C-alpha atoms as a PDB file:
ATOM      1  CA  MET A   1     -45.485 -43.580 -21.601  1.00  0.00           C
ATOM      2  CA  LEU A   2     -44.323 -43.426 -25.217  1.00  0.00           C
ATOM      3  CA  LEU A   3     -45.890 -39.974 -25.623  1.00  0.00           C
ATOM      4  CA  HIS A   4     -44.121 -38.818 -22.450  1.00  0.00           C
ATOM      5  CA  LYS A   5     -40.755 -40.068 -23.785  1.00  0.00           C
ATOM      6  CA  CYS A   6     -41.352 -38.363 -27.131  1.00  0.00           C
ATOM      7  CA  LEU A   7     -42.248 -35.073 -25.450  1.00  0.00           C
ATOM      8  CA  LEU A   8     -39.216 -35.308 -23.168  1.00  0.00           C
ATOM      9  CA  THR A   9     -36.910 -36.128 -26.079  1.00  0.00           C
ATOM     10  CA  GLY A  10     -38.368 -33.273 -28.126  1.00  0.00           C
ATOM     11  CA  SER A  11     -37.958 -30.825 -25.233  1.00  0.00           C
ATOM     12  CA  ILE A  12     -34.334 -31.833 -24.741  1.00  0.00           C
ATOM     13  CA  MET A  13     -33.643 -31.387 -28.463  1.00  0.00           C
ATOM     14  CA  ILE A  14     -35.209 -27.905 -28.473  1.00  0.00           C
ATOM     15  CA  MET A  15     -33.270 -26.890 -25.343  1.00  0.00           C
ATOM     16  CA  SER A  16     -30.085 -28.207 -26.943  1.00  0.00           C
ATOM     17  CA  LEU A  17     -30.686 -26.165 -30.091  1.00  0.00           C
ATOM     18  CA  CYS A  18     -31.356 -23.007 -28.046  1.00  0.00           C
ATOM     19  CA  THR A  19     -28.224 -23.525 -25.987  1.00  0.00           C
ATOM     20  CA  THR A  20     -26.150 -24.227 -29.086  1.00  0.00           C
ATOM     21  CA  GLY A  21     -27.501 -21.063 -30.738  1.00  0.00           C
ATOM     22  CA  GLN A  22     -26.605 -18.987 -27.702  1.00  0.00           C
ATOM     23  CA  GLN A  23     -23.142 -20.551 -27.513  1.00  0.00           C
ATOM     24  CA  THR A  24     -22.664 -19.890 -31.227  1.00  0.00           C
ATOM     25  CA  LYS A  25     -23.734 -16.275 -30.797  1.00  0.00           C
ATOM     26  CA  GLU A  26     -21.468 -15.707 -27.782  1.00  0.00           C
ATOM     27  CA  GLN A  27     -18.532 -17.407 -29.513  1.00  0.00           C
ATOM     28  CA  SER A  28     -19.112 -15.248 -32.603  1.00  0.00           C
ATOM     29  CA  ILE A  29     -19.146 -12.080 -30.497  1.00  0.00           C
ATOM     30  CA  GLN A  30     -15.785 -13.074 -29.012  1.00  0.00           C
ATOM     31  CA  GLU A  31     -14.379 -13.873 -32.461  1.00  0.00           C
ATOM     32  CA  ILE A  32     -15.633 -10.574 -33.919  1.00  0.00           C
ATOM     33  CA  ASN A  33     -14.066  -8.648 -31.030  1.00  0.00           C
ATOM     34  CA  ALA A  34     -10.784 -10.478 -31.627  1.00  0.00           C
ATOM     35  CA  ALA A  35     -10.955  -9.678 -35.369  1.00  0.00           C
ATOM     36  CA  GLU A  36     -11.712  -6.021 -34.607  1.00  0.00           C
ATOM     37  CA  LYS A  37      -8.749  -5.844 -32.213  1.00  0.00           C
ATOM     38  CA  ALA A  38      -6.407  -7.513 -34.722  1.00  0.00           C
ATOM     39  CA  PHE A  39      -7.697  -5.180 -37.467  1.00  0.00           C
ATOM     40  CA  ALA A  40      -6.914  -2.088 -35.364  1.00  0.00           C
ATOM     41  CA  LYS A  41      -3.482  -3.474 -34.449  1.00  0.00           C
ATOM     42  CA  MET A  42      -2.623  -4.165 -38.094  1.00  0.00           C
ATOM     43  CA  ALA A  43      -3.686  -0.632 -39.033  1.00  0.00           C
ATOM     44  CA  ALA A  44      -1.348   0.760 -36.351  1.00  0.00           C
ATOM     45  CA  ASP A  45       1.555  -1.593 -37.140  1.00  0.00           C
ATOM     46  CA  LYS A  46       1.413  -2.017 -40.921  1.00  0.00           C
ATOM     47  CA  GLY A  47      -0.670   0.890 -42.139  1.00  0.00           C
ATOM     48  CA  VAL A  48      -4.259   1.776 -42.830  1.00  0.00           C
ATOM     49  CA  GLN A  49      -4.312   0.538 -46.430  1.00  0.00           C
ATOM     50  CA  GLN A  50      -2.927  -2.914 -45.670  1.00  0.00           C
ATOM     51  CA  ALA A  51      -5.330  -3.452 -42.757  1.00  0.00           C
ATOM     52  CA  PHE A  52      -8.443  -2.254 -44.558  1.00  0.00           C
ATOM     53  CA  VAL A  53      -7.678  -4.457 -47.556  1.00  0.00           C
ATOM     54  CA  PHE A  54      -6.739  -7.524 -45.480  1.00  0.00           C
ATOM     55  CA  TYR A  55      -9.900  -7.454 -43.334  1.00  0.00           C
ATOM     56  CA  ALA A  56     -12.262  -6.667 -46.243  1.00  0.00           C
ATOM     57  CA  ALA A  57     -14.444  -9.383 -47.714  1.00  0.00           C
ATOM     58  CA  GLU A  58     -14.112  -9.613 -51.492  1.00  0.00           C
ATOM     59  CA  ASP A  59     -17.398  -7.743 -51.938  1.00  0.00           C
ATOM     60  CA  ALA A  60     -16.970  -5.311 -49.017  1.00  0.00           C
ATOM     61  CA  VAL A  61     -18.332  -1.776 -49.240  1.00  0.00           C
ATOM     62  CA  ILE A  62     -17.110   1.246 -47.313  1.00  0.00           C
ATOM     63  CA  LYS A  63     -19.001   4.517 -47.002  1.00  0.00           C
ATOM     64  CA  ARG A  64     -16.743   7.545 -46.870  1.00  0.00           C
ATOM     65  CA  GLY A  65     -16.897  11.307 -47.348  1.00  0.00           C
ATOM     66  CA  ASN A  66     -19.838  12.853 -49.197  1.00  0.00           C
ATOM     67  CA  ASP A  67     -21.716   9.550 -48.839  1.00  0.00           C
ATOM     68  CA  SER A  68     -19.548   7.946 -51.506  1.00  0.00           C
ATOM     69  CA  LEU A  69     -19.409   4.165 -51.626  1.00  0.00           C
ATOM     70  CA  VAL A  70     -16.185   2.296 -52.337  1.00  0.00           C
ATOM     71  CA  ARG A  71     -16.727  -1.289 -53.446  1.00  0.00           C
ATOM     72  CA  GLY A  72     -14.518  -4.377 -53.287  1.00  0.00           C
ATOM     73  CA  LYS A  73     -10.976  -5.037 -52.091  1.00  0.00           C
ATOM     74  CA  VAL A  74      -9.376  -3.390 -55.117  1.00  0.00           C
ATOM     75  CA  GLY A  75     -11.478  -0.254 -54.735  1.00  0.00           C
ATOM     76  CA  ILE A  76     -10.766  -0.118 -51.008  1.00  0.00           C
ATOM     77  CA  GLY A  77      -7.037  -0.557 -51.658  1.00  0.00           C
ATOM     78  CA  ASN A  78      -7.111   2.268 -54.193  1.00  0.00           C
ATOM     79  CA  PHE A  79      -9.067   4.516 -51.828  1.00  0.00           C
ATOM     80  CA  TYR A  80      -6.538   4.032 -49.008  1.00  0.00           C
ATOM     81  CA  SER A  81      -3.483   4.467 -51.285  1.00  0.00           C
ATOM     82  CA  THR A  82      -3.446   8.289 -51.093  1.00  0.00           C
ATOM     83  CA  ASP A  83      -0.747  10.242 -49.265  1.00  0.00           C
ATOM     84  CA  PHE A  84      -3.214  11.203 -46.530  1.00  0.00           C
ATOM     85  CA  PHE A  85      -3.620   7.580 -45.457  1.00  0.00           C
ATOM     86  CA  LYS A  86       0.112   6.899 -45.721  1.00  0.00           C
ATOM     87  CA  ARG A  87       0.649   9.578 -43.038  1.00  0.00           C
ATOM     88  CA  ALA A  88      -2.470   8.687 -41.032  1.00  0.00           C
ATOM     89  CA  LEU A  89      -3.081   6.598 -37.963  1.00  0.00           C
ATOM     90  CA  VAL A  90      -6.561   5.548 -36.944  1.00  0.00           C
ATOM     91  CA  ILE A  91      -7.378   4.343 -33.455  1.00  0.00           C
ATOM     92  CA  TRP A  92     -10.661   2.608 -32.680  1.00  0.00           C
ATOM     93  CA  ALA A  93     -12.332   0.088 -30.446  1.00  0.00           C
ATOM     94  CA  PRO A  94     -15.883  -1.214 -30.395  1.00  0.00           C
ATOM     95  CA  ASN A  95     -18.246  -0.051 -27.666  1.00  0.00           C
ATOM     96  CA  PHE A  96     -20.761  -2.723 -28.627  1.00  0.00           C
ATOM     97  CA  THR A  97     -20.676  -6.014 -30.519  1.00  0.00           C
ATOM     98  CA  ASP A  98     -23.515  -8.333 -31.435  1.00  0.00           C
ATOM     99  CA  ALA A  99     -23.939 -11.398 -33.636  1.00  0.00           C
ATOM    100  CA  SER A 100     -26.735 -13.337 -35.255  1.00  0.00           C
ATOM    101  CA  GLU A 101     -28.084 -16.421 -33.505  1.00  0.00           C
ATOM    102  CA  SER A 102     -26.644 -18.523 -36.330  1.00  0.00           C
ATOM    103  CA  GLY A 103     -23.189 -17.039 -35.695  1.00  0.00           C
ATOM    104  CA  ASP A 104     -22.357 -16.083 -39.276  1.00  0.00           C
ATOM    105  CA  MET A 105     -22.988 -12.319 -39.175  1.00  0.00           C
ATOM    106  CA  GLY A 106     -22.327  -9.610 -36.630  1.00  0.00           C
ATOM    107  CA  TYR A 107     -21.681  -5.945 -36.160  1.00  0.00           C
ATOM    108  CA  THR A 108     -19.715  -3.520 -34.061  1.00  0.00           C
ATOM    109  CA  PHE A 109     -19.867   0.172 -33.370  1.00  0.00           C
ATOM    110  CA  GLY A 110     -17.714   2.507 -31.373  1.00  0.00           C
ATOM    111  CA  ASN A 111     -15.492   5.557 -31.519  1.00  0.00           C
ATOM    112  CA  TYR A 112     -12.526   6.291 -33.736  1.00  0.00           C
ATOM    113  CA  THR A 113      -9.859   8.983 -33.929  1.00  0.00           C
ATOM    114  CA  TRP A 114      -7.808   9.813 -37.022  1.00  0.00           C
ATOM    115  CA  GLN A 115      -4.375  11.271 -36.424  1.00  0.00           C
ATOM    116  CA  LEU A 116      -2.000  12.654 -39.032  1.00  0.00           C
ATOM    117  CA  LYS A 117       1.796  12.957 -38.898  1.00  0.00           C
ATOM    118  CA  ASP A 118       2.996  16.480 -39.573  1.00  0.00           C
ATOM    119  CA  GLU A 119       6.339  17.310 -41.244  1.00  0.00           C
ATOM    120  CA  SER A 120       8.218  16.755 -37.972  1.00  0.00           C
ATOM    121  CA  GLY A 121       6.575  13.342 -37.444  1.00  0.00           C
ATOM    122  CA  LYS A 122       4.341  14.536 -34.628  1.00  0.00           C
ATOM    123  CA  LEU A 123       0.835  13.053 -34.579  1.00  0.00           C
ATOM    124  CA  ILE A 124      -1.945  15.636 -34.699  1.00  0.00           C
ATOM    125  CA  GLU A 125      -5.591  14.752 -34.145  1.00  0.00           C
ATOM    126  CA  GLU A 126      -7.397  15.126 -37.452  1.00  0.00           C
ATOM    127  CA  ARG A 127     -10.960  14.080 -36.585  1.00  0.00           C
ATOM    128  CA  LYS A 128     -13.119  11.912 -34.346  1.00  0.00           C
ATOM    129  CA  GLY A 129     -16.289  10.028 -35.031  1.00  0.00           C
ATOM    130  CA  VAL A 130     -18.356   6.893 -34.657  1.00  0.00           C
ATOM    131  CA  PHE A 131     -17.888   3.790 -36.782  1.00  0.00           C
ATOM    132  CA  HIS A 132     -20.255   0.964 -37.610  1.00  0.00           C
ATOM    133  CA  THR A 133     -18.874  -2.238 -39.114  1.00  0.00           C
ATOM    134  CA  VAL A 134     -20.800  -5.284 -40.327  1.00  0.00           C
ATOM    135  CA  TRP A 135     -18.847  -8.541 -40.140  1.00  0.00           C
ATOM    136  CA  LYS A 136     -19.454 -11.822 -41.980  1.00  0.00           C
ATOM    137  CA  LYS A 137     -17.899 -15.168 -41.194  1.00  0.00           C
ATOM    138  CA  GLN A 138     -16.102 -16.501 -44.256  1.00  0.00           C
ATOM    139  CA  LYS A 139     -16.064 -20.103 -45.506  1.00  0.00           C
ATOM    140  CA  ASP A 140     -12.580 -20.553 -44.006  1.00  0.00           C
ATOM    141  CA  GLY A 141     -13.866 -19.485 -40.564  1.00  0.00           C
ATOM    142  CA  THR A 142     -12.263 -16.024 -40.562  1.00  0.00           C
ATOM    143  CA  TRP A 143     -14.237 -12.836 -40.037  1.00  0.00           C
ATOM    144  CA  LYS A 144     -14.117 -10.116 -42.705  1.00  0.00           C
ATOM    145  CA  TYR A 145     -16.037  -6.877 -42.814  1.00  0.00           C
ATOM    146  CA  VAL A 146     -18.671  -6.443 -45.513  1.00  0.00           C
ATOM    147  CA  TRP A 147     -19.646  -2.867 -44.543  1.00  0.00           C
ATOM    148  CA  ASP A 148     -17.696  -0.125 -42.848  1.00  0.00           C
END
């Protein structure tokens, strides 16, 4: 009888851990999607530079043209400070989001479109592509990208 109770208790604990892990993963996916949506909205409302700096983890890395790597918030801010990005608008949304079972890491990928304002203020499509962003949950519970 004691062995039966121990096995039953152990089974319940394992099932509880599995359920908690799945809930954590699903909750993280929802949080990452919300962060991605807020990131895109900030880029549209306040500018590309401000959004990419705000949503970057301190040690974030972005890969840009010619396979160059830009490291850290300061570097990312400097990269996005050029006139091109002051006139640019980027639109994106994830097509897929996933998260670790532990709920502290995740990633998204999807399509983006860069548009540029011409001299008259009209937006002209500059380029399209696919993005891949790796997200990490910060100590304060917010999500910041560590790779883009």
